[in-house]
Protein backbone atom coordinates (compact mmCIF):
# COMPACT_ATOMS: atom_id res chain seq x y z
CA MET A 1 0.00 0.00 0.00
CA THR A 2 1.42 3.29 -0.98
CA LYS A 3 1.41 6.36 1.06
CA LYS A 4 -1.30 7.98 -1.06
CA ASN A 5 -3.54 4.92 -0.81
CA ARG A 6 -3.07 4.73 2.92
CA ASN A 7 -4.07 8.40 3.42
CA SER A 8 -7.16 7.99 1.25
CA PHE A 9 -8.07 4.81 3.16
CA LEU A 10 -7.74 6.61 6.51
CA ASN A 11 -9.78 9.52 5.22
CA LYS A 12 -12.61 7.18 4.34
CA LEU A 13 -12.60 5.60 7.85
CA LEU A 14 -12.39 8.77 9.85
CA PRO A 15 -15.47 10.97 9.91
CA LYS A 16 -15.10 14.27 8.27
CA SER A 17 -15.08 17.19 10.64
CA LYS A 18 -17.57 19.85 10.01
CA LYS A 19 -16.17 23.25 9.69
CA ARG A 20 -17.56 25.80 12.10
CA LYS A 21 -19.08 28.80 10.59
CA SER A 22 -17.43 31.90 11.76
CA THR A 23 -19.71 34.26 13.57
CA SER A 24 -19.84 37.83 12.65
CA GLY A 25 -18.45 40.54 14.89
CA TRP A 26 -21.82 41.95 15.90
CA GLN A 27 -22.95 38.56 17.34
CA ASP A 28 -19.81 38.38 19.48
CA THR A 29 -20.51 41.87 20.75
CA ILE A 30 -24.08 40.98 21.72
CA ILE A 31 -22.97 37.87 23.63
CA ASN A 32 -20.20 39.72 25.47
CA SER A 33 -22.62 42.53 26.35
CA ALA A 34 -25.16 40.03 27.71
CA ILE A 35 -22.50 38.42 29.91
CA ALA A 36 -21.43 41.84 31.24
CA VAL A 37 -25.04 42.86 32.01
CA LEU A 38 -25.78 39.59 33.80
CA SER A 39 -22.58 39.94 35.85
CA LEU A 40 -23.66 43.45 36.92
CA VAL A 41 -27.13 42.16 37.89
CA ILE A 42 -25.61 39.38 40.02
CA PHE A 43 -23.22 41.82 41.69
CA ALA A 44 -26.15 44.17 42.42
CA PHE A 45 -28.13 41.30 44.05
CA ILE A 46 -25.17 40.38 46.26
CA PHE A 47 -24.60 44.00 47.25
CA SER A 48 -28.32 44.54 48.02
CA PHE A 49 -28.52 41.34 50.05
CA SER A 50 -25.49 42.27 52.15
CA ARG A 51 -26.99 45.70 52.88
CA GLN A 52 -30.38 44.31 54.01
CA TYR A 53 -28.90 41.94 56.59
CA PRO A 54 -26.47 43.83 58.81
CA ARG A 55 -23.83 41.88 60.68
CA THR A 56 -24.42 43.34 64.13
CA GLY A 57 -24.78 40.03 65.97
CA VAL A 58 -26.24 39.55 69.41
CA PRO A 59 -25.40 42.26 71.97
CA MET A 60 -23.50 40.92 74.97
CA ASP A 61 -22.31 42.38 78.22
CA VAL A 62 -18.74 41.32 78.81
CA THR A 63 -17.47 41.36 82.36
CA PHE A 64 -13.98 40.46 83.39
CA PRO A 65 -13.04 39.12 86.82
CA GLU A 66 -11.19 41.33 89.24
CA MET A 67 -7.45 41.05 88.91
CA ASN A 68 -7.15 40.78 92.71
CA ASP A 69 -8.37 37.16 92.48
CA ARG A 70 -5.46 35.66 90.61
CA PRO A 71 -6.13 31.99 89.84
CA LYS A 72 -3.75 29.52 91.42
CA LEU A 73 -1.24 27.73 89.29
CA ALA A 74 -1.15 23.95 89.30
CA VAL A 75 2.23 24.10 91.01
CA GLU A 76 0.80 26.15 93.87
CA ILE A 77 -2.11 23.75 94.34
CA TYR A 78 0.29 20.79 94.35
CA GLU A 79 2.58 22.49 96.87
CA GLU A 80 -0.36 23.09 99.21
CA ASN A 81 -1.57 19.45 98.95
CA PRO A 82 1.18 17.28 97.52
CA ILE A 83 0.40 13.74 96.40
CA MET A 84 2.56 11.38 98.40
CA ASP A 85 4.77 8.95 96.58
CA ILE A 86 2.71 6.01 97.80
CA LYS A 87 1.35 3.85 94.99
CA VAL A 88 -1.84 2.01 95.96
CA GLU A 89 -4.13 -0.37 94.09
CA VAL A 90 -7.78 -0.71 95.12
CA LEU A 91 -9.47 -4.04 94.45
CA ASN A 92 -13.20 -4.70 94.68
CA GLY A 93 -13.51 -7.88 96.71
CA CYS A 94 -17.21 -7.62 97.56
CA GLY A 95 -18.80 -7.50 94.08
CA VAL A 96 -20.69 -4.23 94.60
CA LYS A 97 -20.44 -2.16 91.44
CA GLY A 98 -18.51 1.13 91.80
CA VAL A 99 -17.26 0.61 95.35
CA ALA A 100 -13.59 0.44 94.26
CA GLY A 101 -13.95 3.76 92.45
CA ILE A 102 -15.46 5.42 95.53
CA ILE A 103 -12.69 4.14 97.81
CA SER A 104 -10.09 5.19 95.18
CA ASP A 105 -11.46 8.75 95.24
CA PHE A 106 -11.43 8.67 99.03
CA LEU A 107 -7.77 7.67 99.09
CA ARG A 108 -6.90 10.28 96.45
CA ASP A 109 -8.51 12.89 98.69
CA HIS A 110 -5.95 11.73 101.28
CA HIS A 111 -3.18 12.52 98.72
CA LEU A 112 -2.40 8.90 97.85
CA ASP A 113 -1.48 7.83 94.32
CA VAL A 114 -4.09 5.23 93.36
CA VAL A 115 -2.68 3.63 90.23
CA ARG A 116 -5.32 0.94 89.71
CA SER A 117 -8.94 0.37 90.63
CA GLU A 118 -10.35 -2.97 89.51
CA ASN A 119 -11.99 -6.21 90.63
CA ALA A 120 -10.21 -8.67 92.95
CA GLU A 121 -9.67 -12.34 92.04
CA HIS A 122 -13.01 -13.19 93.71
CA PHE A 123 -15.85 -11.41 95.54
CA GLU A 124 -15.81 -13.47 98.76
CA TYR A 125 -13.86 -11.06 100.97
CA ASN A 126 -15.89 -10.45 104.14
CA GLU A 127 -13.51 -7.85 105.56
CA THR A 128 -11.59 -5.04 103.99
CA LEU A 129 -7.85 -5.74 103.91
CA ILE A 130 -4.66 -3.73 103.48
CA ILE A 131 -1.80 -5.78 102.06
CA GLN A 132 1.70 -4.37 102.29
CA LYS A 133 3.78 -5.34 99.23
CA ASN A 134 7.14 -3.73 100.15
CA GLU A 135 9.10 -2.55 103.18
CA ASN A 136 7.59 0.95 103.32
CA ILE A 137 6.12 1.04 106.86
CA HIS A 138 5.41 4.78 106.52
CA ALA A 139 3.07 4.08 103.57
CA LEU A 140 1.32 1.36 105.53
CA GLN A 141 0.79 3.72 108.46
CA ILE A 142 -0.68 6.48 106.26
CA VAL A 143 -3.11 4.18 104.44
CA SER A 144 -4.10 2.44 107.69
CA ASP A 145 -4.83 5.79 109.28
CA ALA A 146 -6.86 6.90 106.26
CA MET A 147 -8.92 3.71 106.33
CA GLY A 148 -9.29 3.84 110.13
CA PHE A 149 -7.38 0.59 110.80
CA ASP A 150 -4.88 -0.16 113.52
CA ILE A 151 -1.53 -1.00 111.93
CA ASN A 152 -1.12 -3.87 114.42
CA ASP A 153 -4.48 -5.52 113.53
CA LYS A 154 -3.19 -8.71 111.84
CA THR A 155 -6.67 -9.64 110.60
CA ARG A 156 -6.96 -6.49 108.47
CA VAL A 157 -3.34 -5.46 107.84
CA LEU A 158 -1.29 -8.15 106.14
CA VAL A 159 2.32 -8.17 105.06
CA GLN A 160 2.94 -10.08 101.82
CA PRO A 161 6.21 -8.88 100.24
CA ASP A 162 6.17 -8.98 96.45
CA PRO A 163 9.30 -7.57 94.76
CA THR A 164 7.62 -7.70 91.34
CA SER A 165 4.68 -5.52 92.39
CA ASP A 166 4.49 -1.95 91.10
CA VAL A 167 2.48 -0.78 94.13
CA ALA A 168 3.36 -0.36 97.78
CA LEU A 169 -0.03 -1.45 99.06
CA SER A 170 -3.20 -3.23 97.92
CA VAL A 171 -6.51 -2.33 99.48
CA ILE A 172 -9.10 -5.08 98.99
CA ILE A 173 -12.64 -3.88 99.69
CA GLY A 174 -14.66 -6.48 101.60
CA LYS A 175 -18.36 -6.82 102.28
CA ASP A 176 -17.98 -4.63 105.38
CA TYR A 177 -17.16 -1.55 103.23
CA ALA A 178 -20.24 0.41 104.34
CA ASN A 179 -19.47 -0.17 108.05
CA LEU A 180 -15.90 1.13 108.01
CA LYS A 181 -15.58 4.08 110.34
CA SER A 182 -13.54 6.13 107.85
CA THR A 183 -15.86 5.63 104.87
CA GLN A 184 -19.29 5.41 106.49
CA THR A 185 -20.19 8.93 105.41
CA LEU A 186 -19.34 8.10 101.78
CA PHE A 187 -21.79 5.24 101.55
CA ASN A 188 -24.55 6.68 103.75
CA GLN A 189 -24.91 9.65 101.36
CA GLU A 190 -25.94 7.41 98.47
């Protein structure tokens, strides 16, 4: 197939493009004028709309607090009531929902670092226990005082050293939680 035959063959396959008629100058002028007029009308609507709805908003009276009452910084609050470096876990050993959280908050109010609050291995603890996990007698004394226990009461205060434990003490809440002298007011309010 020669080059001439190939071109004529391709011309037969491809549709012929229709040539666009050129528009006259006055038609272009009319179209451009219509676009300009419509643009002005749209701009006028936008301007009119923005004038009808002022952006004044809702009037408010703003008052600022007196500068005499400077808020305390977190450092100042901590220095007034420091959290002791005594890590405690609170375990629910009675099965009553939420009791471990209430006792945890109680101990936090006494500036103790409660790191865990969860269920014990079982719910058959009749008495609340404090279990010492390390040699920190000072921590045991503080938690015993907060709970209202005598540090020498061997039925409630147990020593079970555990070098792998990340807490100094475990407090296991027993079924007597509502009768504890230190927490009676917490549970009688509910």
